[in-house]
Amino acid sequence: MAATSDEAFAEIGNRGSAAGQLNESTAIATNPVDGHVFVIDSGNARIDEFTPWGNFVKAFGWDVAPGAVNEQQEVTVKATAGEFKLSFAGSTTSDLEWNAPPSGPGSVEAALNALSSVSSGGNVSVEEGVGDSSSTRYVVSFSGGSLAGVNVGQISAAEGTIPLSGGTPASSATVATRADGTPGGPGLESCTLESGCQAGSKGPGVGQIEESSPGLAVDAAGNIYVRSAYELDRRVQKFDPAGRFLLTLGGEVNETKSNEAGTTEAERNLCTAAQIEAGNVCAAGTFGAGQGQFSSGRGIAVNATGEVFVADLERIQTFRPDGSFKAQLPVPGKEVKQVQVDAATGGFVATFAGEPDAHTLSPAGVELCSLPVSEPEFLASGSNGHIYVGSEVESSGSGKILEFDGTCPVGSPTSETVITQKGDTSISANGIATNSAGDLLIARNGVGISFISVNGPPPLGLEPRPKVSPSITAQFALFADEHSAVVRAQINPNFWEDTAYFVEYGIEKCSGGGCTLKQPPTPSQLGAGIVRKPLPTADVELPGLSPGTTYYYRFVAESSGGGPVRGVGGKVGTNGAEGSFRTQAPATVEPTCPTNEAFRVGASAALPDCRAYEMVSPIDKEHGDVLTLANETGVPNGLNQAALNGESIAYSSYRAFAGSKAAIYVSEYLASRSSEGWISESLAPARGGEGVFGDSAKIQSNFKAFSPDLCQTWLINDAEPLLAPGAIAKFPNLYRRDNCAAVASSEAMTTEKVTEPLPQIFNKDQLPELKGFSADGKTAIFLLQNKPGAEEGERIYQMYRSSGGKMDLVCILPDGTPLEESCSSGGGTEQTYTDRGGVVSNAISDDGSRIYWTSGTYGLLGETAGKIYLRIDGSETKEISGTVTTSEAQFLGASADGSSALFKGGPSLAPGPLYRYSLDSESSVEIAGQVIGIAGATDDLSYVYFVSEETIGGKGVTGEANLYLLHDGERTFVATLSAGDVRRPTFQNDNGAYSDVANQPFFHVAKTTPNGRNFIFISGNPLTGFDNADAASGEPDEEVFRYDADANQINCISCSPAGARPQGRNLVVPGEARQWAAAMIPAGQTQLYTPRAQSDDGDRVFFTSYTDLLPRDRNGLADVYEWEAVNTERCTAASPAFSAFNSGCVYLISTGDSTADSVFVDSSPDGRDAFFSTEESILRQDPGEIDIYDARVGGGFEQPSEVKSCDFTTLPCQAAAPAPAYRAPSPPASEGNPTVRCPRGKHKVTKKARPHCVRRKKHPGKRHSEKKKAHQTRRAGK
């Protein structure tokens, strides 16, 4: 068996409702003569027709044309004598004979074109329609002139001076824009590219397409059969090749005959266009088991003589071309689901509901053989006798279509077409068909995707391929350094295999004739074959460029189909869009750094702002890395936090070192800077036994939070000895540890049992969960399971406060009674992302006296809601959400002093009104409606960034994710975000993503400065016009943006300074979702701390970039960058690092040389200290493994003159750091590729179209199995 992918030579359509677009295709069929493709476009309620090459022909259905644009309006004159008149747009023709000619002198066409409303270039054309002995019909088209493409009105008809007579049943003159004969109102019509198309209306009307229409067939005469299987509409409709209704068959579809006495079943079950003309009414098909009635099944097929076969319960019914019932083929005990005519035997291929395999049947219904398919869904029969069976989409996200040669007994399938996802979107197959050229057509649908893939040979034998020039769909820069650039394009050859291209470029705009240079000198062949889909060109290098210069460029393509075409969207004779990029400014010698120049050696010499590298983690880490293993849900366990003064940092590791007294799953360390370097100490207490942690609790981090100065930490310990008086024996106690005392000491937070007896083993959801603490650390709030008196097995979680060695229940109702159900501080917690899912921003006030809590909020994803209350001084409770609503609400944050709070009304996952509560007035006011969530807020709530689907102040897009700023009572529009930017997990699908509004801190990335004037966030929308489509996947990459509220300006700080498209990464987000990103800022590590990516003044932003933004970054991996505002330190508009694309200076903080990802960790509030993790040995003393470094302004230490030789049997080793990275400016490159010379210890490889220098691999020494097994849960993703 030949296994093939679903690679197609053409894709027909894309999701939408316009002409040539599709929306949920449910069945496809082909004309057996000319190969035209017909599609039930279910979401658009219409039938679409395409040529075998995929060009759109027309669509028909109810109201598919926008108004009366270019459709064929039919004038019907029922008479054998007399005159009539036509009116259009206020003008009326003179009298016309009842049988006037359609065109020529005295014709209908001449009369219409003579009207003042038409004659100014309207060019109405009229053709003779199909009439009868007592009627004349004219087809009027607005297909040319000034009315083409205009939303014209409908013609009206009236009797002339001599009344009409002789018509049957009565004389009349009517106009219908629909082929069903309805004079206006909803009805059947067709549309084309010229007219434009729109989604039609679903329903059971004559010629109307039901949403559940799974069966489609086309006969040799081009007639189209559409089967509806809707519960209240079981019928088959037949249309002629023009899309005009011919007949419908099914249970009592002829309403007129069904209401008449004495009619036969055959008369009741058939309704034709001629009968409608005679006054009969057609209706939906009713459920039934009689001849010509249907009760189940989805399939329909037509044979070479025009007979129609319909799958049904325990039978296959046969109908003649005129719709009359002929016979039925019994299939006892089976519900026939799909049916196709077997071209080889004249019999049938069928599938049965609820059963595996497809079955071949003789013309008499005798089973010949079974085709082994586990879950058959779709059938197609080829003209060569081959049979195709589509299987159900598998759990892996792929299905398959098996091809059998049709012979019995059945052997293995001759081929297999695998149905895979498109990009990151899972796609299902919803129907298959074949044509006489040997192609397999597959209807494909997914989120945001709907198209027909055509697999097989080009249909050259069916009709000539269209003469169409190539289409340039995209062009972009991949890379630019001082003297060269690399560009690429996406070009659709439109079926012409000789498509060739080149690039023209220059320092002036191409549109003004400035692109006088050309590469390559001889056009390159696209090499695509006979296909129609955008394909990538080879990378085109543009050499010999000048540094610091903007260049303009455009691709030029030509083929035997036409051309040349220039630029994106260009056509022959009309140039399309051009692109631009900027080369790197020439390197300059930076001024010396008076305080630490001696330390800026090696890689430090290339750092900005007099920074120097300092190794924070120790050399001796017991052969381990500074990284943590995942917990049972796959989320990181680490807690890395820098002190406010930048002189210390807490960090986590799976390895015990630095004098650790215990080896637990996650060890926590505190590193402090001295005059000679950084010194680490372990914070893990000694353990005197196994403890009471269950398996899920053992793989959680015991360390829950640090104070801003790192002098206090909150941790859980489950083993003896107890760390403080008052702690509970054999219980996972929560402690507060004093790290800065001369002798470290601890205080117990959990001092009272809340349930008896205690469990012998505590799993993760039975541990105390810290939810906040006061500014001085003396008061803390935490969650415990269970409340006193809870029944065995009852899971109730309640909030407690600990202060002065005493515990008290927080969840007291305003009437003084304890809450009987679960509660939590702030806006809830969750089980999946323990310590990471609660919305607890300032839930406890700085002085510890005010605590916001919510009833009934312990859920799966931290997205639950309830009633919100405020507990004051442990003695009084006020109702908060109840001031404006009696329904549930969700806490979204409070001010640091507890005097005000934000909350959203309604279900947590649905948009709702956003309120602000004031303790002073004890009332709440609405800020905005349809709010999705809060993106950021200052501690005093003077600046609040929120996302709403409302349009506020005339800005934003209704129904989209609009970001606004509320300040001083004024709401300012900031930007419209993409749906991915505000994606959140749901109860049905735990696929969260890094988001600007996620309620779970672990997914929330947006953050404001303390004064609220600068705000950083991510977006997949091109908010500044920068092309953020990923160079490899084409998916929009998330970029990092900075909003300046004073200037009301957005800057893309992670976009390429060269203007190159990002070469991002498809991140694996906890929960196994995928997210394309070019760069990322950190989300919360816990619900109580998010790393500081932005300096307090907003002038510095640190981020992890997955694309190489600067020429010095050549490893193609994640690296850490800094964006700096103009006039900060040494950044000026004249600096080589300044970029107009970024409106600031962009610096590389990690080296860009590591053979593994480097990831941002944290920074000090002034931005002086930039902490990051890397596997690279940046400093000489670093023997290898993952360490934390600080790129510190004015930093650095004296380096050892000698480094002890590495013993590979005891230590993992790496080569010594290379010579200083700074090199003098190089001369302009000559024609051709620039030469890249790598420093000693490295070799050159090519990644992402660029040469890279990577370290030569050394003997790894003893590596630890933990590292191989670990989910490296650093924030770089996978």
Foldseek 3Di string as FASTA:
>chain_A
DAEDALDFQEWFAKDDLKQRHAADWQAWEAQQAQGWIWTCRLQLFWIWIAGLLRHTDKIKAKQFFQALAFWWKKKKWQFPFAWKWKDFPHWIFATATQAAACDDPSHPQVRVCPTPVQVPFQNKHKDWDDDDPGMTMITIGSCGGPRFQPNGHFMAMGGHPTGGADGPPGTDIAIPSALLPDRDDIHMTMDHNRRMTGRHDADWAQRTGHSQWNEWEAANQGKIWIAHDPQAAGKIWIAHNVSHTFKMFAAQQFVVQVPDPPHDRQVRGMDGSVVVVNPIGGGGHHADDDFRHAHAARYWEADHQGWIWGFHQQWIWIAHNNGTGDDIQGRPPFRWHYWYQQLVQRFIWTDTPPAAWIFTAHNNGHTDETDGDGAWDEWEAANQRKIKTWHWADPVLKTKIFIWNNDPPTDGTPYIYIGHAAQQWRKTWNYWYAYNQGWIWTFIDTVSTTIIGIHDDRPCVSDHQALFWKAWAFKFWQDAAAFKTKIKTWIFRSQFQQKWKKKFKAQDEVVVVGRPDIPPPDTDGQRSHGRGDTDMRPITMDGGHHGFGKMKMWMWMGGSSGDGEIHHPGDHVGHYDIDMWHYFHFDDQDDADVQCNVFCFAASVQFPQQWHKAFADDQDQQQFFQFAFAAPLRFGQWDWAAAQVNQKIKIWGCTDDQPDQDRARIWIWMWGADQFGIHIHTPDDHADDDFAEDPRRRNHFQWQDAANRRQKTKGWDGGDDDQEPLFDHRARWIWIWGNPDPDIGIDTQDRDDQEPPDDSHDYPVQHWAWQDAANVRQKTKTKHPDGHPDDVPDTAIFMWMGHPNDIDGQQADQVGHHDPGHKDWAFADADSAGLFAEQRALQAANVRFKHKMFGPHYYHHSQFWHWIWIHGNVPGIAGQVVLPDPGTKGWRHAANHRQKGWIFDDGRQWWAWIWMAGNVVRHIDTLDGQWRAWLEAANHRQKTKTWHQDQPPNDDHHRFTWIWIAHPNDIHTQFTAHPLQSAAADPVARAGAQHRGYSGQQNHFKYAANVRQKIKGKGLDPGVPQPAQAPPSRGRAIFMWMAGNVVSDIFGQLQALGSGHANWDFFQDSSRHTHTHQKGGGGAPGSVDTADQAANVRFKGKIWGQGDRHPQQFQSGIFMKMWGAAPDSPKHCPDSQDGPNGNTGMGTQDRNAANYHKGWDHAHNRRQWTKIKGQDCSAQQNFGHIGIMIRGNSDRHDHDPDHDDDDLQRHFGDDGRFGHPDDRGDDRDDPDDDDDDETPQWDWDDDSNRIHTYGDDDDGRDRDVCVVPRPRNDPRGD
